[in-house]
Amino acid sequence: MKSNRVGSGIIKAIIYLFLILVSVIYIVPLVWVFMVSFKTNAEIFTSPFALPESFYLDNFTFAWTAGKLGIATLNSFIVCAVTLIISMVIGSMAAFAIGRLRWKLAKPCMTYFLIGMMIPVHCVMIPLFTRFARMGLSNSLVGLMIPYVTFSLPVTIFIMTGFFESMPNELIESACIDGASIYKTFFSIALPLSRTGLFVTGLMTFVANWNELLLAMVFISDDTKKTLPVSLSKFVGPYNTNYSQMFAAIIIAIIPTVVVYCIFSNQIVDGLTAGAVKG
């Protein structure tokens, strides 16, 4: 008994040390970027790891105004919000149909959506660009939302299907006995019970589209329609890079995702745990 306790204590210590190491690896670079964003370029090169001598706030002012981060942030928010709503509504409906309804093509449809998770965006970028150019969508936010929704749906359907399948059959059967239609069962019973799954998929969709660069850089050429990741690339030039202003712009860009995660962190953890268990 004593040896088992010692062994379990050693295993717990190793796990805690590993988690601490991973936390340091993720947190230290973020803290360093935040600290450097208040420095001048001269301070960055002379003392990159020291605390800033004075909090130089002009970096944030320049990044917001000259870098046009205001309009870029608005464009990113519009694109991400519309993509999030459409993908969550369509994805949850499709997941409910696959996970709870009995029809012959349920498994083939699930396989079809899973194949969509395996296709990289690079394979379809050129065909999408040529097709959108003919349709007049190559330089618009709508043309950017369409592929965002398309690539967000497979992950949403995959995760939400697990939540719907884990629901007790008695709830769905009792709703059918009481005369509830499929739509009433979905919106009144299934969807409220799967709200933790909605938090998980919603955050994943929001963060992925908020940080997406390749499609936004290829499809959007107008400065007034560019998203936040594309605007961040302006701070890096072929001959000169203003590191202090670039780091300030990075801090501005990551604030929304950090705030969203901090607000919904508990729901996200509960959702991941619930989605992994079927009963």
C-alpha atoms as a PDB file:
ATOM      1  CA  MET A   1       0.000   0.000   0.000  1.00  0.00           C
ATOM      2  CA  LYS A   2       2.777   2.380   0.907  1.00  0.00           C
ATOM      3  CA  SER A   3       4.678   1.685  -2.299  1.00  0.00           C
ATOM      4  CA  ASN A   4       1.506   2.251  -4.342  1.00  0.00           C
ATOM      5  CA  ARG A   5       0.991   5.624  -2.675  1.00  0.00           C
ATOM      6  CA  VAL A   6       4.601   6.597  -3.361  1.00  0.00           C
ATOM      7  CA  GLY A   7       4.251   5.525  -6.986  1.00  0.00           C
ATOM      8  CA  SER A   8       1.016   7.470  -7.457  1.00  0.00           C
ATOM      9  CA  GLY A   9       2.601  10.514  -5.816  1.00  0.00           C
ATOM     10  CA  ILE A  10       5.555  10.376  -8.207  1.00  0.00           C
ATOM     11  CA  ILE A  11       3.214  10.086 -11.189  1.00  0.00           C
ATOM     12  CA  LYS A  12       1.172  13.078  -9.986  1.00  0.00           C
ATOM     13  CA  ALA A  13       4.368  15.105  -9.483  1.00  0.00           C
ATOM     14  CA  ILE A  14       5.524  14.287 -13.007  1.00  0.00           C
ATOM     15  CA  ILE A  15       2.128  15.265 -14.414  1.00  0.00           C
ATOM     16  CA  TYR A  16       2.125  18.560 -12.507  1.00  0.00           C
ATOM     17  CA  LEU A  17       5.678  19.336 -13.639  1.00  0.00           C
ATOM     18  CA  PHE A  18       4.705  18.617 -17.232  1.00  0.00           C
ATOM     19  CA  LEU A  19       1.634  20.860 -16.993  1.00  0.00           C
ATOM     20  CA  ILE A  20       3.710  23.643 -15.430  1.00  0.00           C
ATOM     21  CA  LEU A  21       6.268  23.336 -18.232  1.00  0.00           C
ATOM     22  CA  VAL A  22       3.561  23.504 -20.896  1.00  0.00           C
ATOM     23  CA  SER A  23       2.002  26.539 -19.173  1.00  0.00           C
ATOM     24  CA  VAL A  24       5.342  28.321 -19.100  1.00  0.00           C
ATOM     25  CA  ILE A  25       5.953  27.551 -22.780  1.00  0.00           C
ATOM     26  CA  TYR A  26       2.605  29.125 -23.711  1.00  0.00           C
ATOM     27  CA  ILE A  27       2.496  32.020 -21.254  1.00  0.00           C
ATOM     28  CA  VAL A  28       6.077  33.341 -21.382  1.00  0.00           C
ATOM     29  CA  PRO A  29       6.016  34.322 -25.095  1.00  0.00           C
ATOM     30  CA  LEU A  30       2.692  36.095 -24.590  1.00  0.00           C
ATOM     31  CA  VAL A  31       4.018  38.022 -21.594  1.00  0.00           C
ATOM     32  CA  TRP A  32       7.157  38.922 -23.533  1.00  0.00           C
ATOM     33  CA  VAL A  33       5.153  40.266 -26.486  1.00  0.00           C
ATOM     34  CA  PHE A  34       3.010  42.317 -24.108  1.00  0.00           C
ATOM     35  CA  MET A  35       6.116  43.733 -22.417  1.00  0.00           C
ATOM     36  CA  VAL A  36       7.900  44.526 -25.686  1.00  0.00           C
ATOM     37  CA  SER A  37       4.838  46.317 -27.091  1.00  0.00           C
ATOM     38  CA  PHE A  38       5.517  49.199 -24.653  1.00  0.00           C
ATOM     39  CA  LYS A  39       9.152  49.632 -25.766  1.00  0.00           C
ATOM     40  CA  THR A  40      10.791  51.557 -28.567  1.00  0.00           C
ATOM     41  CA  ASN A  41      12.768  49.818 -31.291  1.00  0.00           C
ATOM     42  CA  ALA A  42      16.023  50.925 -29.658  1.00  0.00           C
ATOM     43  CA  GLU A  43      15.013  49.326 -26.346  1.00  0.00           C
ATOM     44  CA  ILE A  44      14.030  46.104 -28.085  1.00  0.00           C
ATOM     45  CA  PHE A  45      17.462  45.696 -29.660  1.00  0.00           C
ATOM     46  CA  THR A  46      19.495  46.847 -26.661  1.00  0.00           C
ATOM     47  CA  SER A  47      17.516  45.117 -23.859  1.00  0.00           C
ATOM     48  CA  PRO A  48      14.931  42.750 -25.349  1.00  0.00           C
ATOM     49  CA  PHE A  49      14.204  40.867 -22.087  1.00  0.00           C
ATOM     50  CA  ALA A  50      14.304  43.776 -19.645  1.00  0.00           C
ATOM     51  CA  LEU A  51      11.270  45.666 -18.414  1.00  0.00           C
ATOM     52  CA  PRO A  52      10.393  48.784 -20.423  1.00  0.00           C
ATOM     53  CA  GLU A  53      11.950  51.988 -19.114  1.00  0.00           C
ATOM     54  CA  SER A  54       8.662  53.817 -19.682  1.00  0.00           C
ATOM     55  CA  PHE A  55       5.312  52.661 -21.027  1.00  0.00           C
ATOM     56  CA  TYR A  56       5.430  53.953 -24.606  1.00  0.00           C
ATOM     57  CA  LEU A  57       1.740  54.083 -25.548  1.00  0.00           C
ATOM     58  CA  ASP A  58       2.348  55.689 -28.945  1.00  0.00           C
ATOM     59  CA  ASN A  59       2.889  52.197 -30.374  1.00  0.00           C
ATOM     60  CA  PHE A  60      -0.765  51.335 -29.795  1.00  0.00           C
ATOM     61  CA  THR A  61      -1.949  54.677 -31.142  1.00  0.00           C
ATOM     62  CA  PHE A  62       0.103  54.284 -34.321  1.00  0.00           C
ATOM     63  CA  ALA A  63      -0.976  50.666 -34.781  1.00  0.00           C
ATOM     64  CA  TRP A  64      -4.650  51.576 -34.409  1.00  0.00           C
ATOM     65  CA  THR A  65      -4.619  54.640 -36.683  1.00  0.00           C
ATOM     66  CA  ALA A  66      -1.845  54.224 -39.268  1.00  0.00           C
ATOM     67  CA  GLY A  67      -2.290  50.462 -39.408  1.00  0.00           C
ATOM     68  CA  LYS A  68      -6.075  50.879 -39.856  1.00  0.00           C
ATOM     69  CA  LEU A  69      -6.760  48.260 -37.226  1.00  0.00           C
ATOM     70  CA  GLY A  70     -10.105  49.835 -36.385  1.00  0.00           C
ATOM     71  CA  ILE A  71     -11.767  49.032 -39.722  1.00  0.00           C
ATOM     72  CA  ALA A  72      -9.873  45.725 -39.882  1.00  0.00           C
ATOM     73  CA  THR A  73     -11.186  44.715 -36.459  1.00  0.00           C
ATOM     74  CA  LEU A  74     -14.724  45.610 -37.518  1.00  0.00           C
ATOM     75  CA  ASN A  75     -14.391  43.565 -40.710  1.00  0.00           C
ATOM     76  CA  SER A  76     -13.052  40.577 -38.772  1.00  0.00           C
ATOM     77  CA  PHE A  77     -15.866  40.851 -36.242  1.00  0.00           C
ATOM     78  CA  ILE A  78     -18.541  40.989 -38.965  1.00  0.00           C
ATOM     79  CA  VAL A  79     -17.079  38.038 -40.850  1.00  0.00           C
ATOM     80  CA  CYS A  80     -16.595  35.936 -37.711  1.00  0.00           C
ATOM     81  CA  ALA A  81     -20.026  36.757 -36.263  1.00  0.00           C
ATOM     82  CA  VAL A  82     -21.921  35.934 -39.460  1.00  0.00           C
ATOM     83  CA  THR A  83     -19.850  32.791 -40.016  1.00  0.00           C
ATOM     84  CA  LEU A  84     -20.404  31.712 -36.421  1.00  0.00           C
ATOM     85  CA  ILE A  85     -24.181  32.132 -36.569  1.00  0.00           C
ATOM     86  CA  ILE A  86     -24.606  30.377 -39.922  1.00  0.00           C
ATOM     87  CA  SER A  87     -22.273  27.487 -39.114  1.00  0.00           C
ATOM     88  CA  MET A  88     -23.827  26.932 -35.676  1.00  0.00           C
ATOM     89  CA  VAL A  89     -27.411  26.935 -36.973  1.00  0.00           C
ATOM     90  CA  ILE A  90     -26.790  24.740 -40.018  1.00  0.00           C
ATOM     91  CA  GLY A  91     -24.217  22.556 -38.265  1.00  0.00           C
ATOM     92  CA  SER A  92     -26.380  21.839 -35.218  1.00  0.00           C
ATOM     93  CA  MET A  93     -29.379  20.979 -37.406  1.00  0.00           C
ATOM     94  CA  ALA A  94     -27.311  18.615 -39.541  1.00  0.00           C
ATOM     95  CA  ALA A  95     -25.745  17.051 -36.441  1.00  0.00           C
ATOM     96  CA  PHE A  96     -29.188  16.484 -34.895  1.00  0.00           C
ATOM     97  CA  ALA A  97     -30.396  14.819 -38.087  1.00  0.00           C
ATOM     98  CA  ILE A  98     -27.339  12.566 -38.202  1.00  0.00           C
ATOM     99  CA  GLY A  99     -27.175  11.763 -34.498  1.00  0.00           C
ATOM    100  CA  ARG A 100     -30.835  11.377 -33.522  1.00  0.00           C
ATOM    101  CA  LEU A 101     -32.966  10.721 -36.613  1.00  0.00           C
ATOM    102  CA  ARG A 102     -33.146   7.300 -38.191  1.00  0.00           C
ATOM    103  CA  TRP A 103     -32.542   7.357 -41.945  1.00  0.00           C
ATOM    104  CA  LYS A 104     -30.377   5.286 -44.256  1.00  0.00           C
ATOM    105  CA  LEU A 105     -28.001   8.017 -45.402  1.00  0.00           C
ATOM    106  CA  ALA A 106     -27.027   9.201 -41.904  1.00  0.00           C
ATOM    107  CA  LYS A 107     -23.646   7.445 -41.845  1.00  0.00           C
ATOM    108  CA  PRO A 108     -22.741   8.312 -45.473  1.00  0.00           C
ATOM    109  CA  CYS A 109     -23.557  11.969 -44.745  1.00  0.00           C
ATOM    110  CA  MET A 110     -21.342  11.888 -41.648  1.00  0.00           C
ATOM    111  CA  THR A 111     -18.539  10.372 -43.703  1.00  0.00           C
ATOM    112  CA  TYR A 112     -19.032  13.078 -46.321  1.00  0.00           C
ATOM    113  CA  PHE A 113     -18.639  15.828 -43.729  1.00  0.00           C
ATOM    114  CA  LEU A 114     -15.621  14.110 -42.171  1.00  0.00           C
ATOM    115  CA  ILE A 115     -13.937  14.090 -45.577  1.00  0.00           C
ATOM    116  CA  GLY A 116     -14.369  17.854 -45.560  1.00  0.00           C
ATOM    117  CA  MET A 117     -12.146  18.026 -42.478  1.00  0.00           C
ATOM    118  CA  MET A 118      -9.337  16.304 -44.385  1.00  0.00           C
ATOM    119  CA  ILE A 119      -9.255  18.672 -47.364  1.00  0.00           C
ATOM    120  CA  PRO A 120      -6.742  21.514 -46.863  1.00  0.00           C
ATOM    121  CA  VAL A 121      -7.734  24.987 -47.913  1.00  0.00           C
ATOM    122  CA  HIS A 122      -4.749  25.199 -50.281  1.00  0.00           C
ATOM    123  CA  CYS A 123      -6.312  22.587 -52.580  1.00  0.00           C
ATOM    124  CA  VAL A 124      -9.439  24.618 -53.268  1.00  0.00           C
ATOM    125  CA  MET A 125      -8.066  28.154 -53.037  1.00  0.00           C
ATOM    126  CA  ILE A 126      -7.382  28.658 -56.762  1.00  0.00           C
ATOM    127  CA  PRO A 127     -10.714  27.163 -57.959  1.00  0.00           C
ATOM    128  CA  LEU A 128     -12.575  29.241 -55.382  1.00  0.00           C
ATOM    129  CA  PHE A 129     -10.780  32.413 -56.409  1.00  0.00           C
ATOM    130  CA  THR A 130     -11.495  31.926 -60.128  1.00  0.00           C
ATOM    131  CA  ARG A 131     -15.131  31.062 -59.488  1.00  0.00           C
ATOM    132  CA  PHE A 132     -15.656  33.975 -57.094  1.00  0.00           C
ATOM    133  CA  ALA A 133     -13.956  36.340 -59.533  1.00  0.00           C
ATOM    134  CA  ARG A 134     -16.503  35.404 -62.179  1.00  0.00           C
ATOM    135  CA  MET A 135     -19.347  35.873 -59.704  1.00  0.00           C
ATOM    136  CA  GLY A 136     -18.024  39.227 -58.443  1.00  0.00           C
ATOM    137  CA  LEU A 137     -17.313  37.922 -54.924  1.00  0.00           C
ATOM    138  CA  SER A 138     -13.503  37.976 -54.985  1.00  0.00           C
ATOM    139  CA  ASN A 139     -13.194  41.317 -53.180  1.00  0.00           C
ATOM    140  CA  SER A 140     -16.076  41.242 -50.734  1.00  0.00           C
ATOM    141  CA  LEU A 141     -16.721  40.064 -47.213  1.00  0.00           C
ATOM    142  CA  VAL A 142     -19.491  37.779 -48.471  1.00  0.00           C
ATOM    143  CA  GLY A 143     -16.973  35.958 -50.639  1.00  0.00           C
ATOM    144  CA  LEU A 144     -14.858  35.448 -47.541  1.00  0.00           C
ATOM    145  CA  MET A 145     -17.741  34.208 -45.393  1.00  0.00           C
ATOM    146  CA  ILE A 146     -18.700  31.422 -47.814  1.00  0.00           C
ATOM    147  CA  PRO A 147     -15.448  29.401 -47.503  1.00  0.00           C
ATOM    148  CA  TYR A 148     -15.276  30.197 -43.792  1.00  0.00           C
ATOM    149  CA  VAL A 149     -18.713  28.636 -43.266  1.00  0.00           C
ATOM    150  CA  THR A 150     -17.809  25.712 -45.517  1.00  0.00           C
ATOM    151  CA  PHE A 151     -14.657  24.828 -43.590  1.00  0.00           C
ATOM    152  CA  SER A 152     -16.310  25.426 -40.207  1.00  0.00           C
ATOM    153  CA  LEU A 153     -19.253  23.097 -40.782  1.00  0.00           C
ATOM    154  CA  PRO A 154     -17.409  19.715 -40.663  1.00  0.00           C
ATOM    155  CA  VAL A 155     -15.899  20.379 -37.228  1.00  0.00           C
ATOM    156  CA  THR A 156     -19.197  21.744 -35.900  1.00  0.00           C
ATOM    157  CA  ILE A 157     -21.168  18.750 -37.172  1.00  0.00           C
ATOM    158  CA  PHE A 158     -18.593  16.262 -35.883  1.00  0.00           C
ATOM    159  CA  ILE A 159     -18.590  17.669 -32.332  1.00  0.00           C
ATOM    160  CA  MET A 160     -22.312  18.375 -32.094  1.00  0.00           C
ATOM    161  CA  THR A 161     -23.190  14.883 -33.325  1.00  0.00           C
ATOM    162  CA  GLY A 162     -21.417  13.450 -30.285  1.00  0.00           C
ATOM    163  CA  PHE A 163     -23.468  15.671 -27.981  1.00  0.00           C
ATOM    164  CA  PHE A 164     -26.776  14.736 -29.568  1.00  0.00           C
ATOM    165  CA  GLU A 165     -25.931  11.021 -29.523  1.00  0.00           C
ATOM    166  CA  SER A 166     -25.099  11.218 -25.812  1.00  0.00           C
ATOM    167  CA  MET A 167     -28.566  12.509 -24.922  1.00  0.00           C
ATOM    168  CA  PRO A 168     -30.911  10.033 -23.201  1.00  0.00           C
ATOM    169  CA  ASN A 169     -33.368   8.458 -25.598  1.00  0.00           C
ATOM    170  CA  GLU A 170     -36.159   8.911 -23.040  1.00  0.00           C
ATOM    171  CA  LEU A 171     -36.135  12.686 -23.531  1.00  0.00           C
ATOM    172  CA  ILE A 172     -36.615  12.470 -27.274  1.00  0.00           C
ATOM    173  CA  GLU A 173     -39.189   9.694 -26.975  1.00  0.00           C
ATOM    174  CA  SER A 174     -41.212  11.581 -24.362  1.00  0.00           C
ATOM    175  CA  ALA A 175     -41.255  14.655 -26.599  1.00  0.00           C
ATOM    176  CA  CYS A 176     -42.550  12.562 -29.499  1.00  0.00           C
ATOM    177  CA  ILE A 177     -45.240  10.990 -27.278  1.00  0.00           C
ATOM    178  CA  ASP A 178     -46.370  14.473 -26.195  1.00  0.00           C
ATOM    179  CA  GLY A 179     -46.866  15.375 -29.858  1.00  0.00           C
ATOM    180  CA  ALA A 180     -43.824  17.597 -30.369  1.00  0.00           C
ATOM    181  CA  SER A 181     -42.643  17.914 -33.937  1.00  0.00           C
ATOM    182  CA  ILE A 182     -39.042  17.405 -35.012  1.00  0.00           C
ATOM    183  CA  TYR A 183     -38.437  21.157 -35.020  1.00  0.00           C
ATOM    184  CA  LYS A 184     -40.045  21.569 -31.590  1.00  0.00           C
ATOM    185  CA  THR A 185     -37.922  18.741 -30.195  1.00  0.00           C
ATOM    186  CA  PHE A 186     -34.778  20.227 -31.650  1.00  0.00           C
ATOM    187  CA  PHE A 187     -35.246  23.822 -30.520  1.00  0.00           C
ATOM    188  CA  SER A 188     -36.925  23.147 -27.151  1.00  0.00           C
ATOM    189  CA  ILE A 189     -35.089  20.056 -25.907  1.00  0.00           C
ATOM    190  CA  ALA A 190     -32.023  19.034 -27.908  1.00  0.00           C
ATOM    191  CA  LEU A 191     -30.495  22.447 -28.512  1.00  0.00           C
ATOM    192  CA  PRO A 192     -30.732  23.741 -24.908  1.00  0.00           C
ATOM    193  CA  LEU A 193     -29.210  20.503 -23.577  1.00  0.00           C
ATOM    194  CA  SER A 194     -26.288  20.807 -26.008  1.00  0.00           C
ATOM    195  CA  ARG A 195     -25.382  24.394 -25.146  1.00  0.00           C
ATOM    196  CA  THR A 196     -21.982  23.291 -23.808  1.00  0.00           C
ATOM    197  CA  GLY A 197     -21.229  21.827 -27.214  1.00  0.00           C
ATOM    198  CA  LEU A 198     -22.300  25.079 -28.801  1.00  0.00           C
ATOM    199  CA  PHE A 199     -19.774  26.918 -26.618  1.00  0.00           C
ATOM    200  CA  VAL A 200     -16.978  24.579 -27.698  1.00  0.00           C
ATOM    201  CA  THR A 201     -17.704  24.662 -31.409  1.00  0.00           C
ATOM    202  CA  GLY A 202     -18.487  28.370 -31.281  1.00  0.00           C
ATOM    203  CA  LEU A 203     -15.144  29.226 -29.737  1.00  0.00           C
ATOM    204  CA  MET A 204     -13.262  26.986 -32.149  1.00  0.00           C
ATOM    205  CA  THR A 205     -15.023  28.559 -35.115  1.00  0.00           C
ATOM    206  CA  PHE A 206     -14.512  32.097 -33.837  1.00  0.00           C
ATOM    207  CA  VAL A 207     -10.798  31.676 -33.091  1.00  0.00           C
ATOM    208  CA  ALA A 208     -10.060  29.831 -36.347  1.00  0.00           C
ATOM    209  CA  ASN A 209     -11.762  32.454 -38.514  1.00  0.00           C
ATOM    210  CA  TRP A 210     -10.419  35.368 -36.460  1.00  0.00           C
ATOM    211  CA  ASN A 211      -6.833  34.226 -37.072  1.00  0.00           C
ATOM    212  CA  GLU A 212      -7.293  33.067 -40.671  1.00  0.00           C
ATOM    213  CA  LEU A 213      -4.853  34.773 -43.049  1.00  0.00           C
ATOM    214  CA  LEU A 214      -4.472  32.883 -46.332  1.00  0.00           C
ATOM    215  CA  LEU A 215      -7.999  33.196 -47.727  1.00  0.00           C
ATOM    216  CA  ALA A 216      -8.372  36.765 -46.480  1.00  0.00           C
ATOM    217  CA  MET A 217      -5.093  37.779 -48.111  1.00  0.00           C
ATOM    218  CA  VAL A 218      -5.951  36.151 -51.455  1.00  0.00           C
ATOM    219  CA  PHE A 219      -9.620  37.126 -51.718  1.00  0.00           C
ATOM    220  CA  ILE A 220      -9.511  40.684 -50.344  1.00  0.00           C
ATOM    221  CA  SER A 221      -7.508  43.446 -52.043  1.00  0.00           C
ATOM    222  CA  ASP A 222      -9.350  46.559 -50.870  1.00  0.00           C
ATOM    223  CA  ASP A 223      -7.785  48.090 -47.735  1.00  0.00           C
ATOM    224  CA  THR A 224     -11.208  48.999 -46.346  1.00  0.00           C
ATOM    225  CA  LYS A 225     -12.315  45.343 -46.489  1.00  0.00           C
ATOM    226  CA  LYS A 226      -9.206  43.614 -45.152  1.00  0.00           C
ATOM    227  CA  THR A 227      -9.449  41.633 -41.945  1.00  0.00           C
ATOM    228  CA  LEU A 228      -7.225  41.925 -38.896  1.00  0.00           C
ATOM    229  CA  PRO A 229      -4.606  39.244 -39.756  1.00  0.00           C
ATOM    230  CA  VAL A 230      -4.050  40.833 -43.179  1.00  0.00           C
ATOM    231  CA  SER A 231      -3.627  44.267 -41.608  1.00  0.00           C
ATOM    232  CA  LEU A 232      -1.030  42.857 -39.229  1.00  0.00           C
ATOM    233  CA  SER A 233       1.096  41.793 -42.182  1.00  0.00           C
ATOM    234  CA  LYS A 234       1.516  45.456 -43.159  1.00  0.00           C
ATOM    235  CA  PHE A 235       3.867  46.011 -40.221  1.00  0.00           C
ATOM    236  CA  VAL A 236       6.422  43.649 -41.753  1.00  0.00           C
ATOM    237  CA  GLY A 237       8.210  45.113 -44.770  1.00  0.00           C
ATOM    238  CA  PRO A 238      10.825  43.677 -47.133  1.00  0.00           C
ATOM    239  CA  TYR A 239      13.506  46.138 -45.971  1.00  0.00           C
ATOM    240  CA  ASN A 240      12.313  47.415 -42.606  1.00  0.00           C
ATOM    241  CA  THR A 241      10.133  46.191 -39.754  1.00  0.00           C
ATOM    242  CA  ASN A 242       8.876  48.308 -36.875  1.00  0.00           C
ATOM    243  CA  TYR A 243       8.872  45.651 -34.174  1.00  0.00           C
ATOM    244  CA  SER A 244       7.449  47.752 -31.352  1.00  0.00           C
ATOM    245  CA  GLN A 245       4.416  48.810 -33.378  1.00  0.00           C
ATOM    246  CA  MET A 246       4.017  45.293 -34.754  1.00  0.00           C
ATOM    247  CA  PHE A 247       3.927  43.796 -31.247  1.00  0.00           C
ATOM    248  CA  ALA A 248       1.408  46.443 -30.180  1.00  0.00           C
ATOM    249  CA  ALA A 249      -0.785  45.482 -33.111  1.00  0.00           C
ATOM    250  CA  ILE A 250      -0.488  41.810 -32.146  1.00  0.00           C
ATOM    251  CA  ILE A 251      -1.658  42.587 -28.614  1.00  0.00           C
ATOM    252  CA  ILE A 252      -4.667  44.449 -30.002  1.00  0.00           C
ATOM    253  CA  ALA A 253      -5.458  41.501 -32.270  1.00  0.00           C
ATOM    254  CA  ILE A 254      -5.356  38.812 -29.578  1.00  0.00           C
ATOM    255  CA  ILE A 255      -7.341  40.708 -26.934  1.00  0.00           C
ATOM    256  CA  PRO A 256     -10.805  39.640 -28.258  1.00  0.00           C
ATOM    257  CA  THR A 257      -9.927  35.931 -28.350  1.00  0.00           C
ATOM    258  CA  VAL A 258      -8.387  36.037 -24.871  1.00  0.00           C
ATOM    259  CA  VAL A 259     -11.439  37.830 -23.462  1.00  0.00           C
ATOM    260  CA  VAL A 260     -13.851  35.368 -25.086  1.00  0.00           C
ATOM    261  CA  TYR A 261     -11.921  32.384 -23.782  1.00  0.00           C
ATOM    262  CA  CYS A 262     -11.699  33.788 -20.252  1.00  0.00           C
ATOM    263  CA  ILE A 263     -15.451  34.396 -20.167  1.00  0.00           C
ATOM    264  CA  PHE A 264     -16.465  30.973 -21.464  1.00  0.00           C
ATOM    265  CA  SER A 265     -13.572  28.845 -20.170  1.00  0.00           C
ATOM    266  CA  ASN A 266     -15.723  26.873 -17.699  1.00  0.00           C
ATOM    267  CA  GLN A 267     -18.367  26.097 -20.310  1.00  0.00           C
ATOM    268  CA  ILE A 268     -15.677  25.008 -22.753  1.00  0.00           C
ATOM    269  CA  VAL A 269     -14.103  22.548 -20.313  1.00  0.00           C
ATOM    270  CA  ASP A 270     -17.525  21.152 -19.375  1.00  0.00           C
ATOM    271  CA  GLY A 271     -18.417  20.834 -23.040  1.00  0.00           C
ATOM    272  CA  LEU A 272     -15.265  18.932 -23.932  1.00  0.00           C
ATOM    273  CA  THR A 273     -15.842  16.566 -21.004  1.00  0.00           C
ATOM    274  CA  ALA A 274     -19.499  15.995 -21.815  1.00  0.00           C
ATOM    275  CA  GLY A 275     -18.840  15.450 -25.495  1.00  0.00           C
ATOM    276  CA  ALA A 276     -16.327  12.721 -24.741  1.00  0.00           C
ATOM    277  CA  VAL A 277     -18.816  10.582 -22.799  1.00  0.00           C
ATOM    278  CA  LYS A 278     -21.808   8.801 -24.251  1.00  0.00           C
ATOM    279  CA  GLY A 279     -24.536   7.370 -22.086  1.00  0.00           C
END
